[in-house]
């Protein structure tokens, strides 16, 4: 079946994210390996990397992915910003490789000038540059389908397909879906007919085999809003049924499905404590999974 998990804080050190995942019964995990709102990143000490990898192996929490910094914009027309973004993505991949992660979830970028076609081409060239500099690495780039706010690219399956085509279908680049982003971008996964049509389109344009995982988030805004506002599971415009379908869809067996819903506000950020909101959202999702024979 799919592997449920959550985004967990690395407060107090990377191994603490694994301990938080264990505390919440996670089967898969997402982390930031650095501050998502800063370009600079601390060097991860070798002993911290070793402890992180050991705990992942001991707990069987797999896969683990990181989410790239929100500052990275491979579609930027400004040369300095684009070069900085390429370097930052390279660093994100290097950190993921050192930690033994499946890959890095990346927002494709925002078109800051010119046509969408030009922006998609800049993204593809930026990805090719980063990957060619790391020819024997295993960590993948996982392009996240977006909600379509403003000039952000990647909210249509056709746009993601264009990027992948320009990379000749590289196995080192996959696609990541977010349920909130899907409904915001106009993909009706709420009704049975809309759900079926959405994944037929995805398979035709991209291919189910390119799908690496999901973010499971309800949406504060309705279908087609193009606004990315996460809500707790079952409390937004998605409701429970789309999550029930996803969790029991055999096409997605083995894929990570990770929540990014709001957590409790805490002043103590380094201690490993249960988060009641994470626990509630994960429990709701677990209750939607059907038992299968054997």
Protein backbone atom coordinates (compact mmCIF):
# COMPACT_ATOMS: atom_id res chain seq x y z
CA UNK A 1 0.00 0.00 0.00
CA UNK A 2 0.96 3.65 -0.04
CA UNK A 3 3.36 4.83 2.70
CA UNK A 4 1.93 7.50 4.97
CA UNK A 5 4.10 10.13 6.57
CA UNK A 6 4.64 13.81 7.16
CA UNK A 7 7.03 16.70 6.84
CA UNK A 8 8.99 16.82 10.09
CA UNK A 9 11.19 19.51 11.59
CA UNK A 10 14.95 19.01 11.83
CA UNK A 11 15.07 21.23 14.93
CA UNK A 12 17.84 19.98 17.21
CA UNK A 13 19.52 18.12 14.35
CA UNK A 14 18.61 15.97 11.39
CA UNK A 15 18.26 12.73 13.41
CA UNK A 16 15.48 14.37 15.42
CA UNK A 17 13.30 14.44 12.31
CA UNK A 18 13.48 10.65 12.20
CA UNK A 19 12.57 10.43 15.89
CA UNK A 20 9.57 12.71 15.31
CA UNK A 21 8.50 10.50 12.42
CA UNK A 22 8.77 7.41 14.64
CA UNK A 23 6.72 9.10 17.35
CA UNK A 24 3.91 9.72 14.84
CA UNK A 25 4.03 6.25 13.28
CA UNK A 26 5.25 7.52 9.92
CA UNK A 27 6.19 5.11 7.16
CA UNK A 28 7.82 7.82 5.00
CA UNK A 29 9.26 11.27 5.72
CA UNK A 30 9.99 14.69 4.26
CA UNK A 31 12.46 17.20 5.69
CA UNK A 32 14.26 20.41 4.88
CA UNK A 33 18.01 19.87 5.00
CA UNK A 34 18.48 23.63 5.52
CA UNK A 35 16.35 26.69 6.16
CA UNK A 36 13.82 26.90 3.32
CA UNK A 37 13.92 30.69 3.33
CA UNK A 38 17.69 31.22 3.20
CA UNK A 39 20.35 30.73 0.54
CA UNK A 40 23.10 29.88 3.00
CA UNK A 41 23.27 26.42 4.53
CA UNK A 42 25.35 25.02 7.34
CA UNK A 43 27.72 22.19 6.58
CA UNK A 44 26.21 18.98 7.98
CA UNK A 45 28.79 17.25 10.21
CA UNK A 46 29.77 13.73 9.18
CA UNK A 47 28.65 12.26 12.50
CA UNK A 48 25.21 13.84 12.13
CA UNK A 49 24.86 12.37 8.64
CA UNK A 50 25.87 8.96 9.96
CA UNK A 51 23.37 9.10 12.85
CA UNK A 52 20.59 10.19 10.50
CA UNK A 53 21.26 7.41 8.02
CA UNK A 54 21.56 4.83 10.78
CA UNK A 55 18.20 5.77 12.30
CA UNK A 56 16.48 5.72 8.91
CA UNK A 57 17.84 2.20 8.35
CA UNK A 58 16.90 1.04 11.85
CA UNK A 59 13.34 2.38 11.68
CA UNK A 60 12.58 1.33 8.12
CA UNK A 61 11.13 4.76 7.34
CA UNK A 62 11.38 4.91 3.56
CA UNK A 63 11.51 6.76 1.37
CA UNK A 64 12.82 10.00 2.80
CA UNK A 65 12.81 13.11 0.64
CA UNK A 66 13.84 16.69 1.19
CA UNK A 67 12.01 19.79 0.01
CA UNK A 68 14.13 22.39 -1.76
CA UNK A 69 14.43 26.00 -0.68
CA UNK A 70 11.54 28.21 -1.78
CA UNK A 71 14.05 30.76 -3.06
CA UNK A 72 15.20 28.60 -5.97
CA UNK A 73 13.82 29.77 -9.33
CA UNK A 74 15.25 28.01 -12.36
CA UNK A 75 12.87 29.98 -14.62
CA UNK A 76 14.27 33.37 -13.57
CA UNK A 77 15.35 35.70 -16.40
CA UNK A 78 17.78 37.53 -14.14
CA UNK A 79 21.11 35.81 -14.77
CA UNK A 80 22.42 36.29 -11.24
CA UNK A 81 19.30 34.84 -9.62
CA UNK A 82 19.22 31.94 -12.06
CA UNK A 83 22.87 31.06 -11.47
CA UNK A 84 22.35 31.28 -7.74
CA UNK A 85 19.30 29.01 -8.08
CA UNK A 86 21.25 26.44 -10.10
CA UNK A 87 24.01 26.42 -7.48
CA UNK A 88 21.48 26.12 -4.65
CA UNK A 89 19.72 23.20 -6.30
CA UNK A 90 23.07 21.48 -6.78
CA UNK A 91 23.76 21.91 -3.07
CA UNK A 92 20.30 20.52 -2.21
CA UNK A 93 21.03 17.43 -4.33
CA UNK A 94 24.47 17.00 -2.77
CA UNK A 95 22.95 17.11 0.70
CA UNK A 96 20.25 14.63 -0.30
CA UNK A 97 22.89 12.30 -1.74
CA UNK A 98 24.97 12.45 1.43
CA UNK A 99 21.90 11.66 3.54
CA UNK A 100 20.79 8.78 1.32
CA UNK A 101 17.49 10.42 0.35
CA UNK A 102 15.30 9.44 -2.58
CA UNK A 103 15.48 12.97 -3.90
CA UNK A 104 14.60 16.66 -3.62
CA UNK A 105 11.05 17.96 -4.13
CA UNK A 106 11.36 21.15 -6.18
CA UNK A 107 8.91 23.83 -7.27
CA UNK A 108 9.79 24.25 -10.98
CA UNK A 109 9.95 28.05 -10.92
CA UNK A 110 8.15 31.29 -11.72
CA UNK A 111 8.26 33.05 -15.07
CA UNK A 112 9.67 36.51 -14.29
CA UNK A 113 9.61 37.67 -17.91
CA UNK A 114 9.02 36.36 -21.40
CA UNK A 115 6.66 33.55 -22.32
CA UNK A 116 5.81 30.44 -20.33
CA UNK A 117 7.52 28.45 -23.08
CA UNK A 118 10.74 30.37 -22.47
CA UNK A 119 10.43 29.81 -18.72
CA UNK A 120 9.94 26.06 -19.16
CA UNK A 121 13.01 25.92 -21.41
CA UNK A 122 15.08 27.75 -18.78
CA UNK A 123 13.94 25.23 -16.15
CA UNK A 124 14.94 22.30 -18.35
CA UNK A 125 18.36 23.79 -19.10
CA UNK A 126 18.93 24.50 -15.40
CA UNK A 127 18.06 20.92 -14.46
CA UNK A 128 20.30 19.55 -17.20
CA UNK A 129 23.18 21.71 -15.93
CA UNK A 130 22.78 20.46 -12.35
CA UNK A 131 22.45 16.79 -13.32
CA UNK A 132 25.35 16.78 -15.79
CA UNK A 133 27.64 18.09 -13.05
CA UNK A 134 26.65 15.03 -10.97
CA UNK A 135 26.71 12.13 -13.43
CA UNK A 136 26.88 9.26 -10.97
CA UNK A 137 24.53 10.45 -8.25
CA UNK A 138 21.33 8.67 -7.23
CA UNK A 139 19.27 11.45 -5.60
CA UNK A 140 16.52 12.57 -7.96
CA UNK A 141 14.87 15.91 -8.71
CA UNK A 142 11.12 15.58 -8.04
CA UNK A 143 9.21 18.35 -9.81
CA UNK A 144 6.21 19.36 -7.75
CA UNK A 145 2.98 20.17 -9.57
CA UNK A 146 1.98 23.67 -8.42
CA UNK A 147 -1.24 25.50 -7.61
CA UNK A 148 -0.64 28.12 -10.33
CA UNK A 149 -0.38 31.23 -8.21
CA UNK A 150 0.77 34.30 -10.12
CA UNK A 151 3.41 33.45 -12.71
CA UNK A 152 4.38 30.10 -11.16
CA UNK A 153 4.92 27.39 -13.75
CA UNK A 154 4.09 23.70 -13.45
CA UNK A 155 0.37 23.91 -12.63
CA UNK A 156 -0.63 22.16 -15.85
CA UNK A 157 0.43 18.61 -16.62
CA UNK A 158 1.34 19.82 -20.10
CA UNK A 159 3.96 22.16 -18.62
CA UNK A 160 5.56 19.40 -16.57
CA UNK A 161 5.52 17.15 -19.64
CA UNK A 162 7.32 19.84 -21.64
CA UNK A 163 10.12 19.99 -19.07
CA UNK A 164 10.47 16.21 -18.99
CA UNK A 165 10.48 15.99 -22.79
CA UNK A 166 13.33 18.50 -22.96
CA UNK A 167 15.27 16.27 -20.56
CA UNK A 168 14.59 13.25 -22.81
CA UNK A 169 12.62 11.59 -20.04
CA UNK A 170 15.62 11.38 -17.69
CA UNK A 171 15.00 8.80 -14.92
CA UNK A 172 16.74 11.21 -12.55
CA UNK A 173 13.74 13.57 -12.75
CA UNK A 174 10.31 12.56 -11.47
CA UNK A 175 7.01 14.27 -10.64
CA UNK A 176 5.40 14.94 -7.27
CA UNK A 177 1.70 15.75 -6.85
CA UNK A 178 -0.04 17.74 -4.12
CA UNK A 179 -3.78 17.30 -3.57
CA UNK A 180 -4.26 20.94 -2.59
CA UNK A 181 -2.36 22.08 -5.68
CA UNK A 182 -4.40 19.78 -7.93
CA UNK A 183 -7.75 21.23 -6.92
CA UNK A 184 -6.37 24.79 -6.89
CA UNK A 185 -5.03 24.33 -10.41
CA UNK A 186 -8.43 23.17 -11.65
CA UNK A 187 -8.08 19.39 -11.53
CA UNK A 188 -11.30 17.97 -10.08
CA UNK A 189 -10.20 15.04 -7.96
CA UNK A 190 -13.26 15.37 -5.70
CA UNK A 191 -15.84 13.67 -7.91
CA UNK A 192 -15.28 10.09 -9.10
CA UNK A 193 -15.47 11.18 -12.73
CA UNK A 194 -13.07 14.06 -12.20
CA UNK A 195 -10.62 11.85 -10.30
CA UNK A 196 -10.59 9.31 -13.13
CA UNK A 197 -10.18 12.02 -15.77
CA UNK A 198 -7.34 13.69 -13.87
CA UNK A 199 -5.22 10.57 -13.68
CA UNK A 200 -6.03 9.55 -17.25
CA UNK A 201 -4.66 12.92 -18.32
CA UNK A 202 -1.62 12.54 -16.08
CA UNK A 203 -0.86 9.09 -17.46
CA UNK A 204 -1.30 10.24 -21.05
CA UNK A 205 0.84 13.37 -20.74
CA UNK A 206 3.47 12.29 -18.19
CA UNK A 207 3.02 8.63 -17.29
CA UNK A 208 2.11 7.09 -13.94
CA UNK A 209 5.61 5.57 -13.86
CA UNK A 210 7.10 9.07 -13.46
CA UNK A 211 5.09 9.74 -10.30
CA UNK A 212 7.31 9.60 -7.21
CA UNK A 213 4.90 10.60 -4.45
CA UNK A 214 2.16 12.85 -3.08
CA UNK A 215 1.63 15.61 -0.60
CA UNK A 216 -1.76 15.02 1.04
CA UNK A 217 -3.29 18.36 1.99
CA UNK A 218 -6.88 19.55 1.98
CA UNK A 219 -7.54 22.99 0.46
CA UNK A 220 -8.91 26.15 2.02
CA UNK A 221 -9.82 27.41 -1.45
CA UNK A 222 -12.16 25.88 -4.05
CA UNK A 223 -11.57 24.20 -7.39
CA UNK A 224 -9.67 26.42 -9.84
CA UNK A 225 -8.76 29.11 -7.28
CA UNK A 226 -5.04 28.90 -8.15
CA UNK A 227 -4.36 29.72 -4.50
CA UNK A 228 -2.18 27.40 -2.38
CA UNK A 229 -3.68 27.29 1.12
CA UNK A 230 -3.45 23.98 2.97
CA UNK A 231 -6.23 22.76 5.26
CA UNK A 232 -6.46 19.82 7.64
CA UNK A 233 -7.53 16.53 6.09
CA UNK A 234 -11.29 16.39 5.47
CA UNK A 235 -11.88 19.99 6.60
CA UNK A 236 -11.52 21.80 3.29
CA UNK A 237 -12.88 21.73 -0.25
CA UNK A 238 -11.54 18.23 -0.90
CA UNK A 239 -13.28 16.42 1.93
CA UNK A 240 -12.42 12.80 2.71
CA UNK A 241 -13.34 10.88 -0.43
CA UNK A 242 -10.41 11.95 -2.66
CA UNK A 243 -8.00 10.83 0.06
CA UNK A 244 -9.81 7.50 0.39
CA UNK A 245 -9.46 6.96 -3.37
CA UNK A 246 -5.77 7.86 -3.41
CA UNK A 247 -4.88 5.71 -0.43
CA UNK A 248 -6.57 2.66 -1.94
CA UNK A 249 -5.61 3.19 -5.59
CA UNK A 250 -3.37 0.24 -6.48
CA UNK A 251 -1.56 2.34 -9.08
CA UNK A 252 0.04 4.22 -6.20
CA UNK A 253 1.05 1.26 -4.05
CA UNK A 254 4.43 1.86 -2.43
CA UNK A 255 4.45 5.61 -3.06
CA UNK A 256 4.99 8.04 -0.17
CA UNK A 257 1.98 10.17 0.75
CA UNK A 258 3.06 12.95 3.10
CA UNK A 259 1.04 15.58 4.94
CA UNK A 260 2.11 19.22 5.05
CA UNK A 261 -0.78 20.43 7.18
CA UNK A 262 -0.43 23.05 9.90
CA UNK A 263 1.29 22.04 13.14
CA UNK A 264 0.91 23.30 16.69
CA UNK A 265 2.86 26.45 17.41
CA UNK A 266 5.71 25.63 19.81
CA UNK A 267 8.38 27.76 21.43
CA UNK A 268 10.47 24.67 22.19
CA UNK A 269 11.66 23.63 18.73
CA UNK A 270 14.50 21.26 19.56
CA UNK A 271 12.68 18.68 21.69
CA UNK A 272 11.07 15.60 20.13
CA UNK A 273 7.38 15.94 21.02
CA UNK A 274 4.16 14.60 19.55
CA UNK A 275 2.19 17.14 17.54
CA UNK A 276 -1.56 16.70 18.15
CA UNK A 277 -2.46 18.11 14.72
CA UNK A 278 -0.09 15.79 12.88
CA UNK A 279 -1.40 12.86 14.91
CA UNK A 280 -5.00 13.76 14.11
CA UNK A 281 -4.41 14.15 10.37
CA UNK A 282 -2.45 10.91 10.12
CA UNK A 283 -5.10 9.04 12.11
CA UNK A 284 -7.81 10.31 9.76
CA UNK A 285 -5.84 9.07 6.76
CA UNK A 286 -5.06 5.69 8.33
CA UNK A 287 -8.76 5.16 8.93
CA UNK A 288 -9.39 5.61 5.20
CA UNK A 289 -7.04 2.80 4.18
CA UNK A 290 -8.84 -0.44 3.44
CA UNK A 291 -7.43 -3.71 4.70
CA UNK A 292 -6.31 -6.02 1.92
CA UNK A 293 -6.14 -9.82 2.04
CA UNK A 294 -2.65 -11.11 2.92
